[in-house]
Amino acid sequence: MTTDPYAAAEKAAEQLRSLTGVDFYDVALVMGSGWAPAADAFGSGGAEVPTSELSGFVPPAVEGHSGSVRSLRSGDRDLLVFLGRTHLYEGHGAQAVAHGVRTAVAAGASTVVLTNAAGSLNPAFGVGSPVLIADHINLTGRSPLQGATFVDLTETYSAKLRGLAKEIDPALAEGVYAAMPGPHFETPAEIRMLRAMGADLVGMSTALEAIAAREAGADVLGLSLVTNVAAGLSGQPLDHEEVLATGRDAATDVGALLASLVERLEPAQGQ
C-alpha cells in the first residue's frame, strides 16, 4: 500500500467507479466471517469485483472471507457490499485493515455498516443472536490514524442507526465489543478480565474500521452475530468452523434485517 493511506483509498475508489460504472455510493456494508449469504438479501445483479483488482487491497487469508466487493442497487440507493475484510493478525498493518472502509467513503458512502462474528461474554446473548454494538474497547494496541489526528469517538456507533435497527426488530440487544488482536482465541483469564472491563462481546475486527470510518465522517452501525460462547464460560473448546457454520445459519435473517435498515436510510446527496 502507498505511504499515504488516503491517496490509496481515493485511487481504489476511482478504480471501483470505473469497473462498476457507478459514480457515487450511499452505503457500504462489510460482511463478517461466514456472512456472505447475507449479501443476497440486497438483491442480485450489479457487478462483483475481486478486491485483487483494486489498488491497496491484500489477498484474503481467512476462511469465510472471499475477497470481493459487490456493487448493488437497492431502491434509490447504491450499495457496496464487501464480502470479507483484512484482519490485523494477517500482518499487513492497521492501514490495510482500514483500507476497505476508507475506499468506500472515498466512493461516496456516508453510512458504513460493520458486521462481525463474536464470542459472547454476556449470558443473555446466546449463540445465533444478533447484537448491536453500542461501543467498543480497542485492545489491539493499534490505530488506523496517523500523527496528531484527534478524532472524537464519543458516538462511534450511531445512536440514530441503532434506533432504526430497533424499529425493525425491537428485540435487538446492545452490547460493548472488545477488539482483540488475534489470531488465537482468548484464554479464560482474559475473558474474565474483559467481563470486568464491561465487555459483552469479543472478536478480532471492527474497531479499527469504525475509527477510520468516523475519521472520514461516516455514520457507523456495528452488528455482531454471536457465534460462540467465550472461552471458559461453556466448558467447550473454541473452533473457527463453528463460527463459520453459525454465520451461515443466521445469514438470511441478518441479511433481511440489514436490507430493511438500508431501505429506511435517507439517501445521501450524490453527485
C-alpha atoms as a PDB file:
ATOM      1  CA  MET A   1       0.000   0.000   0.000  1.00  0.00           C
ATOM      2  CA  THR A   2       1.238   3.512  -0.699  1.00  0.00           C
ATOM      3  CA  THR A   3       2.617   5.666   2.107  1.00  0.00           C
ATOM      4  CA  ASP A   4      -0.461   7.906   2.067  1.00  0.00           C
ATOM      5  CA  PRO A   5      -3.483   5.713   3.001  1.00  0.00           C
ATOM      6  CA  TYR A   6      -5.965   8.418   1.969  1.00  0.00           C
ATOM      7  CA  ALA A   7      -4.477   8.730  -1.514  1.00  0.00           C
ATOM      8  CA  ALA A   8      -4.562   4.932  -1.766  1.00  0.00           C
ATOM      9  CA  ALA A   9      -8.268   4.942  -0.888  1.00  0.00           C
ATOM     10  CA  GLU A  10      -9.017   7.637  -3.480  1.00  0.00           C
ATOM     11  CA  LYS A  11      -7.179   5.629  -6.140  1.00  0.00           C
ATOM     12  CA  ALA A  12      -9.095   2.441  -5.271  1.00  0.00           C
ATOM     13  CA  ALA A  13     -12.388   4.380  -5.303  1.00  0.00           C
ATOM     14  CA  GLU A  14     -11.671   5.677  -8.813  1.00  0.00           C
ATOM     15  CA  GLN A  15     -10.896   2.139  -9.976  1.00  0.00           C
ATOM     16  CA  LEU A  16     -14.124   0.919  -8.398  1.00  0.00           C
ATOM     17  CA  ARG A  17     -16.138   3.579 -10.204  1.00  0.00           C
ATOM     18  CA  SER A  18     -14.529   2.606 -13.490  1.00  0.00           C
ATOM     19  CA  LEU A  19     -15.180  -1.126 -13.006  1.00  0.00           C
ATOM     20  CA  THR A  20     -18.774  -0.803 -11.774  1.00  0.00           C
ATOM     21  CA  GLY A  21     -19.995   2.225 -13.706  1.00  0.00           C
ATOM     22  CA  VAL A  22     -21.360   3.782 -10.506  1.00  0.00           C
ATOM     23  CA  ASP A  23     -20.096   7.264  -9.689  1.00  0.00           C
ATOM     24  CA  PHE A  24     -21.421   7.638  -6.152  1.00  0.00           C
ATOM     25  CA  TYR A  25     -22.322   5.158  -3.405  1.00  0.00           C
ATOM     26  CA  ASP A  26     -24.647   5.740  -0.464  1.00  0.00           C
ATOM     27  CA  VAL A  27     -23.939   2.828   1.884  1.00  0.00           C
ATOM     28  CA  ALA A  28     -21.112   0.355   2.450  1.00  0.00           C
ATOM     29  CA  LEU A  29     -21.528  -2.926   4.319  1.00  0.00           C
ATOM     30  CA  VAL A  30     -18.727  -5.206   5.493  1.00  0.00           C
ATOM     31  CA  MET A  31     -19.745  -8.831   5.951  1.00  0.00           C
ATOM     32  CA  GLY A  32     -18.139 -10.785   8.800  1.00  0.00           C
ATOM     33  CA  SER A  33     -16.975 -14.407   8.896  1.00  0.00           C
ATOM     34  CA  GLY A  34     -19.483 -16.724   7.233  1.00  0.00           C
ATOM     35  CA  TRP A  35     -21.864 -13.856   6.455  1.00  0.00           C
ATOM     36  CA  ALA A  36     -21.538 -13.852   2.646  1.00  0.00           C
ATOM     37  CA  PRO A  37     -25.074 -15.293   2.128  1.00  0.00           C
ATOM     38  CA  ALA A  38     -26.467 -12.228   3.927  1.00  0.00           C
ATOM     39  CA  ALA A  39     -25.399 -10.132   0.943  1.00  0.00           C
ATOM     40  CA  ASP A  40     -28.002 -11.911  -1.194  1.00  0.00           C
ATOM     41  CA  ALA A  41     -30.748 -10.092   0.744  1.00  0.00           C
ATOM     42  CA  PHE A  42     -29.783  -6.852  -1.005  1.00  0.00           C
ATOM     43  CA  GLY A  43     -30.688  -8.247  -4.412  1.00  0.00           C
ATOM     44  CA  SER A  44     -28.911  -9.614  -7.441  1.00  0.00           C
ATOM     45  CA  GLY A  45     -27.407  -8.000 -10.484  1.00  0.00           C
ATOM     46  CA  GLY A  46     -24.802  -5.308 -10.397  1.00  0.00           C
ATOM     47  CA  ALA A  47     -21.106  -6.040 -10.524  1.00  0.00           C
ATOM     48  CA  GLU A  48     -18.876  -8.130  -8.286  1.00  0.00           C
ATOM     49  CA  VAL A  49     -15.261  -7.020  -8.302  1.00  0.00           C
ATOM     50  CA  PRO A  50     -12.396  -9.049  -6.800  1.00  0.00           C
ATOM     51  CA  THR A  51     -10.545  -6.754  -4.428  1.00  0.00           C
ATOM     52  CA  SER A  52      -7.340  -8.009  -6.063  1.00  0.00           C
ATOM     53  CA  GLU A  53      -8.289  -5.724  -8.980  1.00  0.00           C
ATOM     54  CA  LEU A  54      -8.358  -2.669  -6.713  1.00  0.00           C
ATOM     55  CA  SER A  55      -5.289  -0.773  -5.559  1.00  0.00           C
ATOM     56  CA  GLY A  56      -4.152  -1.274  -1.961  1.00  0.00           C
ATOM     57  CA  PHE A  57      -6.160  -4.396  -1.092  1.00  0.00           C
ATOM     58  CA  VAL A  58      -4.362  -7.518   0.098  1.00  0.00           C
ATOM     59  CA  PRO A  59      -5.476 -11.084  -0.758  1.00  0.00           C
ATOM     60  CA  PRO A  60      -7.902 -12.664   1.743  1.00  0.00           C
ATOM     61  CA  ALA A  61      -6.210 -15.023   4.156  1.00  0.00           C
ATOM     62  CA  VAL A  62      -9.107 -16.212   6.321  1.00  0.00           C
ATOM     63  CA  GLU A  63     -11.672 -18.916   5.568  1.00  0.00           C
ATOM     64  CA  GLY A  64     -15.123 -17.363   5.229  1.00  0.00           C
ATOM     65  CA  HIS A  65     -13.818 -14.156   3.607  1.00  0.00           C
ATOM     66  CA  SER A  66     -13.996 -14.257  -0.193  1.00  0.00           C
ATOM     67  CA  GLY A  67     -12.125 -11.067  -1.068  1.00  0.00           C
ATOM     68  CA  SER A  68     -14.622  -9.340  -3.343  1.00  0.00           C
ATOM     69  CA  VAL A  69     -16.974  -6.368  -3.296  1.00  0.00           C
ATOM     70  CA  ARG A  70     -20.467  -6.243  -4.783  1.00  0.00           C
ATOM     71  CA  SER A  71     -21.972  -3.128  -6.310  1.00  0.00           C
ATOM     72  CA  LEU A  72     -25.751  -3.314  -5.889  1.00  0.00           C
ATOM     73  CA  ARG A  73     -28.759  -1.079  -6.396  1.00  0.00           C
ATOM     74  CA  SER A  74     -31.386  -1.173  -3.618  1.00  0.00           C
ATOM     75  CA  GLY A  75     -34.309   1.146  -4.297  1.00  0.00           C
ATOM     76  CA  ASP A  76     -32.757   4.543  -4.925  1.00  0.00           C
ATOM     77  CA  ARG A  77     -29.516   3.687  -3.131  1.00  0.00           C
ATOM     78  CA  ASP A  78     -26.240   2.328  -4.443  1.00  0.00           C
ATOM     79  CA  LEU A  79     -24.533  -0.112  -2.117  1.00  0.00           C
ATOM     80  CA  LEU A  80     -21.061  -1.542  -1.730  1.00  0.00           C
ATOM     81  CA  VAL A  81     -21.048  -4.931  -0.016  1.00  0.00           C
ATOM     82  CA  PHE A  82     -17.612  -6.194   0.997  1.00  0.00           C
ATOM     83  CA  LEU A  83     -17.501  -9.992   1.205  1.00  0.00           C
ATOM     84  CA  GLY A  84     -14.615 -10.218   3.619  1.00  0.00           C
ATOM     85  CA  ARG A  85     -12.106  -7.937   5.298  1.00  0.00           C
ATOM     86  CA  THR A  86      -8.442  -7.733   6.232  1.00  0.00           C
ATOM     87  CA  HIS A  87      -7.649  -8.554   9.864  1.00  0.00           C
ATOM     88  CA  LEU A  88      -4.828  -7.072  11.887  1.00  0.00           C
ATOM     89  CA  TYR A  89      -3.388 -10.511  12.651  1.00  0.00           C
ATOM     90  CA  GLU A  90      -2.694 -11.074   8.957  1.00  0.00           C
ATOM     91  CA  GLY A  91       0.339  -8.859   9.429  1.00  0.00           C
ATOM     92  CA  HIS A  92      -0.321  -6.084   6.890  1.00  0.00           C
ATOM     93  CA  GLY A  93      -0.824  -3.346   9.459  1.00  0.00           C
ATOM     94  CA  ALA A  94      -3.649  -1.104  10.593  1.00  0.00           C
ATOM     95  CA  GLN A  95      -3.775   0.838   7.310  1.00  0.00           C
ATOM     96  CA  ALA A  96      -4.603  -2.329   5.366  1.00  0.00           C
ATOM     97  CA  VAL A  97      -7.380  -3.093   7.865  1.00  0.00           C
ATOM     98  CA  ALA A  98      -8.929   0.347   7.312  1.00  0.00           C
ATOM     99  CA  HIS A  99      -8.432   0.468   3.541  1.00  0.00           C
ATOM    100  CA  GLY A 100     -11.814  -1.030   2.657  1.00  0.00           C
ATOM    101  CA  VAL A 101     -13.916   1.461   4.613  1.00  0.00           C
ATOM    102  CA  ARG A 102     -11.723   4.350   3.510  1.00  0.00           C
ATOM    103  CA  THR A 103     -12.227   3.304  -0.111  1.00  0.00           C
ATOM    104  CA  ALA A 104     -15.992   3.087   0.439  1.00  0.00           C
ATOM    105  CA  VAL A 105     -16.178   6.569   1.950  1.00  0.00           C
ATOM    106  CA  ALA A 106     -13.967   7.933  -0.827  1.00  0.00           C
ATOM    107  CA  ALA A 107     -16.522   6.460  -3.249  1.00  0.00           C
ATOM    108  CA  GLY A 108     -19.271   8.450  -1.511  1.00  0.00           C
ATOM    109  CA  ALA A 109     -20.610   6.165   1.229  1.00  0.00           C
ATOM    110  CA  SER A 110     -21.821   8.241   4.169  1.00  0.00           C
ATOM    111  CA  THR A 111     -23.073   5.207   6.103  1.00  0.00           C
ATOM    112  CA  VAL A 112     -20.851   2.239   6.943  1.00  0.00           C
ATOM    113  CA  VAL A 113     -22.307  -0.969   8.383  1.00  0.00           C
ATOM    114  CA  LEU A 114     -19.747  -3.244  10.033  1.00  0.00           C
ATOM    115  CA  THR A 115     -20.718  -6.812  10.861  1.00  0.00           C
ATOM    116  CA  ASN A 116     -18.711  -9.477  12.612  1.00  0.00           C
ATOM    117  CA  ALA A 117     -18.744 -12.851  14.267  1.00  0.00           C
ATOM    118  CA  ALA A 118     -18.240 -12.530  18.015  1.00  0.00           C
ATOM    119  CA  GLY A 119     -17.923 -14.554  21.172  1.00  0.00           C
ATOM    120  CA  SER A 120     -20.421 -13.839  23.922  1.00  0.00           C
ATOM    121  CA  LEU A 121     -19.348 -12.831  27.424  1.00  0.00           C
ATOM    122  CA  ASN A 122     -22.910 -11.994  28.400  1.00  0.00           C
ATOM    123  CA  PRO A 123     -25.184 -14.929  29.311  1.00  0.00           C
ATOM    124  CA  ALA A 124     -28.141 -13.001  27.872  1.00  0.00           C
ATOM    125  CA  PHE A 125     -26.577 -13.175  24.389  1.00  0.00           C
ATOM    126  CA  GLY A 126     -26.920 -16.749  23.166  1.00  0.00           C
ATOM    127  CA  VAL A 127     -25.338 -18.329  20.115  1.00  0.00           C
ATOM    128  CA  GLY A 128     -27.098 -17.147  16.967  1.00  0.00           C
ATOM    129  CA  SER A 129     -28.159 -13.804  18.465  1.00  0.00           C
ATOM    130  CA  PRO A 130     -27.528 -10.562  16.566  1.00  0.00           C
ATOM    131  CA  VAL A 131     -26.359  -7.800  18.919  1.00  0.00           C
ATOM    132  CA  LEU A 132     -25.961  -4.114  18.103  1.00  0.00           C
ATOM    133  CA  ILE A 133     -22.590  -2.651  19.059  1.00  0.00           C
ATOM    134  CA  ALA A 134     -23.138   0.335  21.335  1.00  0.00           C
ATOM    135  CA  ASP A 135     -19.419   0.937  21.943  1.00  0.00           C
ATOM    136  CA  HIS A 136     -16.088  -0.820  21.734  1.00  0.00           C
ATOM    137  CA  ILE A 137     -12.914  -1.384  23.718  1.00  0.00           C
ATOM    138  CA  ASN A 138      -9.915  -1.364  21.388  1.00  0.00           C
ATOM    139  CA  LEU A 139      -7.349  -3.759  22.841  1.00  0.00           C
ATOM    140  CA  THR A 140      -5.441  -4.302  19.605  1.00  0.00           C
ATOM    141  CA  GLY A 141      -2.812  -1.770  20.641  1.00  0.00           C
ATOM    142  CA  ARG A 142      -3.127  -0.128  17.231  1.00  0.00           C
ATOM    143  CA  SER A 143      -4.945   2.724  15.490  1.00  0.00           C
ATOM    144  CA  PRO A 144      -5.518   3.418  11.793  1.00  0.00           C
ATOM    145  CA  LEU A 145      -4.909   7.119  12.429  1.00  0.00           C
ATOM    146  CA  GLN A 146      -1.510   8.719  11.921  1.00  0.00           C
ATOM    147  CA  GLY A 147       0.141  11.721  13.513  1.00  0.00           C
ATOM    148  CA  ALA A 148      -1.750  14.268  15.589  1.00  0.00           C
ATOM    149  CA  THR A 149      -5.162  13.146  14.352  1.00  0.00           C
ATOM    150  CA  PHE A 150      -7.615  13.598  17.207  1.00  0.00           C
ATOM    151  CA  VAL A 151     -10.989  12.067  16.388  1.00  0.00           C
ATOM    152  CA  ASP A 152     -13.940  12.210  18.794  1.00  0.00           C
ATOM    153  CA  LEU A 153     -15.160   8.655  19.412  1.00  0.00           C
ATOM    154  CA  THR A 154     -17.891   9.596  21.902  1.00  0.00           C
ATOM    155  CA  GLU A 155     -20.504   8.265  19.495  1.00  0.00           C
ATOM    156  CA  THR A 156     -18.518   5.855  17.369  1.00  0.00           C
ATOM    157  CA  TYR A 157     -21.625   3.783  16.686  1.00  0.00           C
ATOM    158  CA  SER A 158     -24.560   5.945  15.624  1.00  0.00           C
ATOM    159  CA  ALA A 159     -27.458   6.089  18.089  1.00  0.00           C
ATOM    160  CA  LYS A 160     -29.734   7.051  15.193  1.00  0.00           C
ATOM    161  CA  LEU A 161     -28.804   3.958  13.191  1.00  0.00           C
ATOM    162  CA  ARG A 162     -29.206   1.733  16.247  1.00  0.00           C
ATOM    163  CA  GLY A 163     -32.648   3.255  16.743  1.00  0.00           C
ATOM    164  CA  LEU A 164     -33.606   2.433  13.145  1.00  0.00           C
ATOM    165  CA  ALA A 165     -32.466  -1.158  13.663  1.00  0.00           C
ATOM    166  CA  LYS A 166     -34.604  -1.438  16.803  1.00  0.00           C
ATOM    167  CA  GLU A 167     -37.630  -0.136  14.936  1.00  0.00           C
ATOM    168  CA  ILE A 168     -37.235  -3.142  12.642  1.00  0.00           C
ATOM    169  CA  ASP A 169     -36.511  -5.618  15.453  1.00  0.00           C
ATOM    170  CA  PRO A 170     -37.394  -4.300  18.933  1.00  0.00           C
ATOM    171  CA  ALA A 171     -35.852  -7.420  20.470  1.00  0.00           C
ATOM    172  CA  LEU A 172     -32.344  -6.433  19.358  1.00  0.00           C
ATOM    173  CA  ALA A 173     -29.983  -6.084  22.294  1.00  0.00           C
ATOM    174  CA  GLU A 174     -26.959  -3.782  22.560  1.00  0.00           C
ATOM    175  CA  GLY A 175     -23.527  -4.541  23.929  1.00  0.00           C
ATOM    176  CA  VAL A 176     -19.908  -3.452  24.186  1.00  0.00           C
ATOM    177  CA  TYR A 177     -17.496  -5.132  21.770  1.00  0.00           C
ATOM    178  CA  ALA A 178     -13.906  -5.853  22.798  1.00  0.00           C
ATOM    179  CA  ALA A 179     -11.494  -5.943  19.850  1.00  0.00           C
ATOM    180  CA  MET A 180      -8.526  -8.268  20.359  1.00  0.00           C
ATOM    181  CA  PRO A 181      -5.548  -8.702  18.022  1.00  0.00           C
ATOM    182  CA  GLY A 182      -5.909 -12.486  17.484  1.00  0.00           C
ATOM    183  CA  PRO A 183      -5.470 -14.806  15.702  1.00  0.00           C
ATOM    184  CA  HIS A 184      -5.672 -17.028  18.769  1.00  0.00           C
ATOM    185  CA  PHE A 185      -8.871 -17.168  20.769  1.00  0.00           C
ATOM    186  CA  GLU A 186      -8.752 -15.638  24.230  1.00  0.00           C
ATOM    187  CA  THR A 187      -7.848 -17.519  27.402  1.00  0.00           C
ATOM    188  CA  PRO A 188     -10.428 -17.957  30.176  1.00  0.00           C
ATOM    189  CA  ALA A 189      -8.429 -15.476  32.293  1.00  0.00           C
ATOM    190  CA  GLU A 190      -8.552 -12.907  29.500  1.00  0.00           C
ATOM    191  CA  ILE A 191     -12.306 -13.399  29.210  1.00  0.00           C
ATOM    192  CA  ARG A 192     -12.699 -12.770  32.944  1.00  0.00           C
ATOM    193  CA  MET A 193     -10.654  -9.578  32.506  1.00  0.00           C
ATOM    194  CA  LEU A 194     -12.834  -8.429  29.600  1.00  0.00           C
ATOM    195  CA  ARG A 195     -16.018  -9.052  31.576  1.00  0.00           C
ATOM    196  CA  ALA A 196     -14.621  -6.970  34.430  1.00  0.00           C
ATOM    197  CA  MET A 197     -13.899  -4.186  31.930  1.00  0.00           C
ATOM    198  CA  GLY A 198     -17.526  -4.146  30.791  1.00  0.00           C
ATOM    199  CA  ALA A 199     -17.319  -6.080  27.536  1.00  0.00           C
ATOM    200  CA  ASP A 200     -20.263  -8.167  26.336  1.00  0.00           C
ATOM    201  CA  LEU A 201     -18.744  -9.401  23.085  1.00  0.00           C
ATOM    202  CA  VAL A 202     -15.264 -10.235  21.873  1.00  0.00           C
ATOM    203  CA  GLY A 203     -13.773 -10.529  18.409  1.00  0.00           C
ATOM    204  CA  MET A 204     -10.809  -9.714  16.182  1.00  0.00           C
ATOM    205  CA  SER A 205     -12.083  -6.965  13.881  1.00  0.00           C
ATOM    206  CA  THR A 206     -14.362  -3.914  13.506  1.00  0.00           C
ATOM    207  CA  ALA A 207     -12.825  -1.400  15.954  1.00  0.00           C
ATOM    208  CA  LEU A 208     -10.095  -0.111  13.632  1.00  0.00           C
ATOM    209  CA  GLU A 209     -12.538   0.084  10.712  1.00  0.00           C
ATOM    210  CA  ALA A 210     -15.016   2.021  12.864  1.00  0.00           C
ATOM    211  CA  ILE A 211     -12.331   4.512  13.894  1.00  0.00           C
ATOM    212  CA  ALA A 212     -11.297   5.071  10.268  1.00  0.00           C
ATOM    213  CA  ALA A 213     -14.915   5.472   9.148  1.00  0.00           C
ATOM    214  CA  ARG A 214     -15.588   8.051  11.868  1.00  0.00           C
ATOM    215  CA  GLU A 215     -12.434   9.958  10.941  1.00  0.00           C
ATOM    216  CA  ALA A 216     -13.748  10.081   7.369  1.00  0.00           C
ATOM    217  CA  GLY A 217     -17.083  11.467   8.555  1.00  0.00           C
ATOM    218  CA  ALA A 218     -19.279   8.405   8.000  1.00  0.00           C
ATOM    219  CA  ASP A 219     -22.027   7.233  10.339  1.00  0.00           C
ATOM    220  CA  VAL A 220     -21.319   3.732  11.628  1.00  0.00           C
ATOM    221  CA  LEU A 221     -23.570   0.849  12.588  1.00  0.00           C
ATOM    222  CA  GLY A 222     -21.959  -2.195  14.171  1.00  0.00           C
ATOM    223  CA  LEU A 223     -23.698  -5.563  14.357  1.00  0.00           C
ATOM    224  CA  SER A 224     -22.231  -8.688  15.930  1.00  0.00           C
ATOM    225  CA  LEU A 225     -23.556 -12.185  15.439  1.00  0.00           C
ATOM    226  CA  VAL A 226     -22.844 -14.342  18.471  1.00  0.00           C
ATOM    227  CA  THR A 227     -21.206 -17.455  17.044  1.00  0.00           C
ATOM    228  CA  ASN A 228     -19.815 -18.984  20.221  1.00  0.00           C
ATOM    229  CA  VAL A 229     -19.690 -18.619  23.969  1.00  0.00           C
ATOM    230  CA  ALA A 230     -16.359 -17.118  25.029  1.00  0.00           C
ATOM    231  CA  ALA A 231     -13.540 -19.267  26.400  1.00  0.00           C
ATOM    232  CA  GLY A 232     -14.060 -20.786  29.811  1.00  0.00           C
ATOM    233  CA  LEU A 233     -17.772 -19.956  30.006  1.00  0.00           C
ATOM    234  CA  SER A 234     -19.208 -23.081  28.381  1.00  0.00           C
ATOM    235  CA  GLY A 235     -16.626 -25.772  29.091  1.00  0.00           C
ATOM    236  CA  GLN A 236     -16.316 -26.410  25.339  1.00  0.00           C
ATOM    237  CA  PRO A 237     -13.271 -25.757  23.118  1.00  0.00           C
ATOM    238  CA  LEU A 238     -13.492 -22.988  20.507  1.00  0.00           C
ATOM    239  CA  ASP A 239     -13.436 -23.749  16.786  1.00  0.00           C
ATOM    240  CA  HIS A 240     -13.379 -21.417  13.755  1.00  0.00           C
ATOM    241  CA  GLU A 241     -15.557 -23.884  11.828  1.00  0.00           C
ATOM    242  CA  GLU A 242     -18.253 -23.378  14.466  1.00  0.00           C
ATOM    243  CA  VAL A 243     -18.005 -19.633  13.885  1.00  0.00           C
ATOM    244  CA  LEU A 244     -18.490 -20.056  10.126  1.00  0.00           C
ATOM    245  CA  ALA A 245     -21.374 -22.514  10.490  1.00  0.00           C
ATOM    246  CA  THR A 246     -23.280 -20.223  12.853  1.00  0.00           C
ATOM    247  CA  GLY A 247     -22.746 -17.303  10.496  1.00  0.00           C
ATOM    248  CA  ARG A 248     -24.103 -19.265   7.556  1.00  0.00           C
ATOM    249  CA  ASP A 249     -27.134 -20.450   9.531  1.00  0.00           C
ATOM    250  CA  ALA A 250     -28.111 -16.908  10.588  1.00  0.00           C
ATOM    251  CA  ALA A 251     -27.080 -15.127   7.398  1.00  0.00           C
ATOM    252  CA  THR A 252     -30.530 -14.995   5.796  1.00  0.00           C
ATOM    253  CA  ASP A 253     -32.227 -13.439   8.835  1.00  0.00           C
ATOM    254  CA  VAL A 254     -29.390 -10.986   9.398  1.00  0.00           C
ATOM    255  CA  GLY A 255     -29.381 -10.048   5.718  1.00  0.00           C
ATOM    256  CA  ALA A 256     -33.114  -9.320   5.856  1.00  0.00           C
ATOM    257  CA  LEU A 257     -32.576  -7.086   8.888  1.00  0.00           C
ATOM    258  CA  LEU A 258     -29.815  -5.121   7.160  1.00  0.00           C
ATOM    259  CA  ALA A 259     -31.788  -4.840   3.922  1.00  0.00           C
ATOM    260  CA  SER A 260     -34.721  -3.365   5.848  1.00  0.00           C
ATOM    261  CA  LEU A 261     -32.356  -0.958   7.565  1.00  0.00           C
ATOM    262  CA  VAL A 262     -30.912   0.237   4.260  1.00  0.00           C
ATOM    263  CA  GLU A 263     -34.437   0.903   2.973  1.00  0.00           C
ATOM    264  CA  ARG A 264     -35.074   3.254   5.912  1.00  0.00           C
ATOM    265  CA  LEU A 265     -31.937   5.326   5.422  1.00  0.00           C
ATOM    266  CA  GLU A 266     -32.212   8.784   3.958  1.00  0.00           C
ATOM    267  CA  PRO A 267     -30.451   8.769   0.569  1.00  0.00           C
ATOM    268  CA  ALA A 268     -27.166  10.654   0.508  1.00  0.00           C
ATOM    269  CA  GLN A 269     -26.833  13.694  -1.701  1.00  0.00           C
ATOM    270  CA  GLY A 270     -24.901  12.095  -4.538  1.00  0.00           C
ATOM    271  CA  GLN A 271     -23.070  13.779  -7.329  1.00  0.00           C
END
